[in-house]
Protein backbone atom coordinates (compact mmCIF):
# COMPACT_ATOMS: atom_id res chain seq x y z
CA MET A 1 0.00 0.00 0.00
CA THR A 2 2.79 2.42 0.79
CA ASP A 3 4.42 1.85 -2.59
CA LYS A 4 1.29 3.01 -4.38
CA ALA A 5 0.94 6.02 -2.09
CA ASP A 6 4.61 6.90 -2.61
CA LYS A 7 4.21 6.61 -6.37
CA THR A 8 1.16 8.87 -6.28
CA ARG A 9 3.02 11.45 -4.20
CA LEU A 10 6.03 11.28 -6.51
CA ASP A 11 3.82 11.74 -9.57
CA ALA A 12 2.16 14.77 -7.97
CA LEU A 13 5.56 16.20 -7.09
CA ASP A 14 6.77 15.61 -10.64
CA LYS A 15 3.76 17.46 -12.06
CA ARG A 16 4.33 20.40 -9.70
CA LEU A 17 8.00 20.54 -10.65
CA GLU A 18 7.17 20.54 -14.36
CA LYS A 19 4.61 23.31 -13.81
CA ALA A 20 7.14 25.37 -11.83
CA GLN A 21 9.77 24.88 -14.55
CA VAL A 22 7.34 26.06 -17.24
CA GLN A 23 6.43 29.12 -15.15
CA LYS A 24 10.10 29.89 -14.53
CA GLU A 25 10.89 29.70 -18.24
CA ALA A 26 7.91 31.90 -19.06
CA MET A 27 8.93 34.55 -16.51
CA SER A 28 12.64 34.64 -17.30
CA PRO A 29 13.74 37.02 -20.03
CA LYS A 30 14.79 35.49 -23.28
CA PRO A 31 18.55 35.34 -23.66
CA LYS A 32 19.78 37.65 -26.35
CA GLU A 33 23.18 38.17 -27.77
CA LYS A 34 25.33 40.22 -25.54
CA ALA A 35 25.93 43.47 -27.34
CA ASP A 36 28.66 45.39 -25.57
CA SER A 37 28.81 49.11 -25.93
CA ALA A 38 31.60 50.58 -28.00
CA PHE A 39 33.09 52.13 -24.86
CA GLY A 40 33.05 48.77 -23.08
CA GLN A 41 34.77 47.05 -25.98
CA ALA A 42 37.41 49.77 -26.23
CA TYR A 43 38.03 49.60 -22.47
CA ARG A 44 38.40 45.81 -22.60
CA ILE A 45 40.81 45.92 -25.52
CA GLY A 46 42.88 48.66 -23.91
CA MET A 47 43.07 46.82 -20.61
CA GLU A 48 44.11 43.59 -22.33
CA LEU A 49 46.96 45.41 -24.03
CA VAL A 50 48.14 47.19 -20.88
CA ILE A 51 47.89 44.11 -18.68
CA ALA A 52 49.84 41.95 -21.13
CA VAL A 53 52.66 44.53 -21.27
CA VAL A 54 52.74 44.95 -17.47
CA ILE A 55 52.79 41.21 -16.84
CA GLY A 56 55.51 40.65 -19.43
CA GLY A 57 57.66 43.42 -17.96
CA PHE A 58 57.11 42.18 -14.42
CA ILE A 59 58.09 38.62 -15.31
CA GLY A 60 61.21 39.93 -17.03
CA TYR A 61 62.06 42.09 -14.01
CA LEU A 62 61.70 39.14 -11.63
CA LEU A 63 63.86 36.94 -13.84
CA ASP A 64 66.48 39.69 -14.09
CA GLN A 65 66.60 39.99 -10.31
CA TRP A 66 66.86 36.24 -9.90
CA LEU A 67 69.44 35.62 -12.62
CA GLY A 68 71.31 38.93 -12.40
CA THR A 69 70.86 39.71 -16.10
CA ALA A 70 69.35 43.19 -15.74
CA PRO A 71 67.88 44.74 -17.92
CA TRP A 72 67.93 42.20 -20.77
CA LEU A 73 65.19 39.81 -19.71
CA MET A 74 62.92 42.70 -18.71
CA ILE A 75 63.34 44.21 -22.16
CA LEU A 76 62.75 40.83 -23.83
CA PHE A 77 59.64 40.05 -21.81
CA PHE A 78 58.36 43.60 -22.23
CA PHE A 79 58.34 43.11 -25.98
CA LEU A 80 56.84 39.63 -25.60
CA GLY A 81 54.08 41.26 -23.53
CA VAL A 82 53.56 43.86 -26.26
CA ALA A 83 53.29 41.06 -28.84
CA ALA A 84 50.83 39.12 -26.67
CA GLY A 85 48.80 42.29 -26.11
CA PHE A 86 48.58 43.01 -29.82
CA MET A 87 47.55 39.41 -30.48
CA ASN A 88 44.75 39.80 -27.92
CA VAL A 89 43.66 43.06 -29.53
CA TYR A 90 43.68 41.42 -32.97
CA LYS A 91 41.60 38.46 -31.76
CA ALA A 92 39.11 40.76 -30.03
CA ALA A 93 38.79 42.88 -33.19
CA GLN A 94 38.15 39.76 -35.25
CA LYS A 95 35.39 38.66 -32.86
CA MET A 96 33.77 42.09 -33.04
CA GLY A 97 33.74 41.89 -36.85
CA ASN A 98 32.06 38.47 -36.85
CA HIS A 99 28.95 39.51 -34.89
CA PRO A 100 26.07 41.02 -36.85
CA PRO A 101 24.59 44.16 -35.34
CA SER A 102 21.86 43.43 -32.83
CA GLU A 103 18.26 44.50 -33.33
CA ASP A 104 18.32 47.28 -30.73
CA GLN A 105 21.25 49.08 -32.35
CA ASN A 106 20.31 51.44 -35.18
């Protein structure tokens, strides 16, 4: 007898869960493509470039201090950071060119 009662309760719970899921989906906003503002994109690209250069220079500085090769590794890693930053900027610019304009932008 308890198996049948448990099954009935589980079925009722399942129906309530399905109903709640449908209501949740109906209430939640539809996901749309994330359209960043031009200022946000420019800020992101600029920060990627600056951060790559700073990290490269810092790694070079630490290696110079450790190995006693100042300033050669800092210069090398500075330029590697610049190269990495420009690669990030290039990739971000390619991604921006691949997205069609969204409907709310005119």
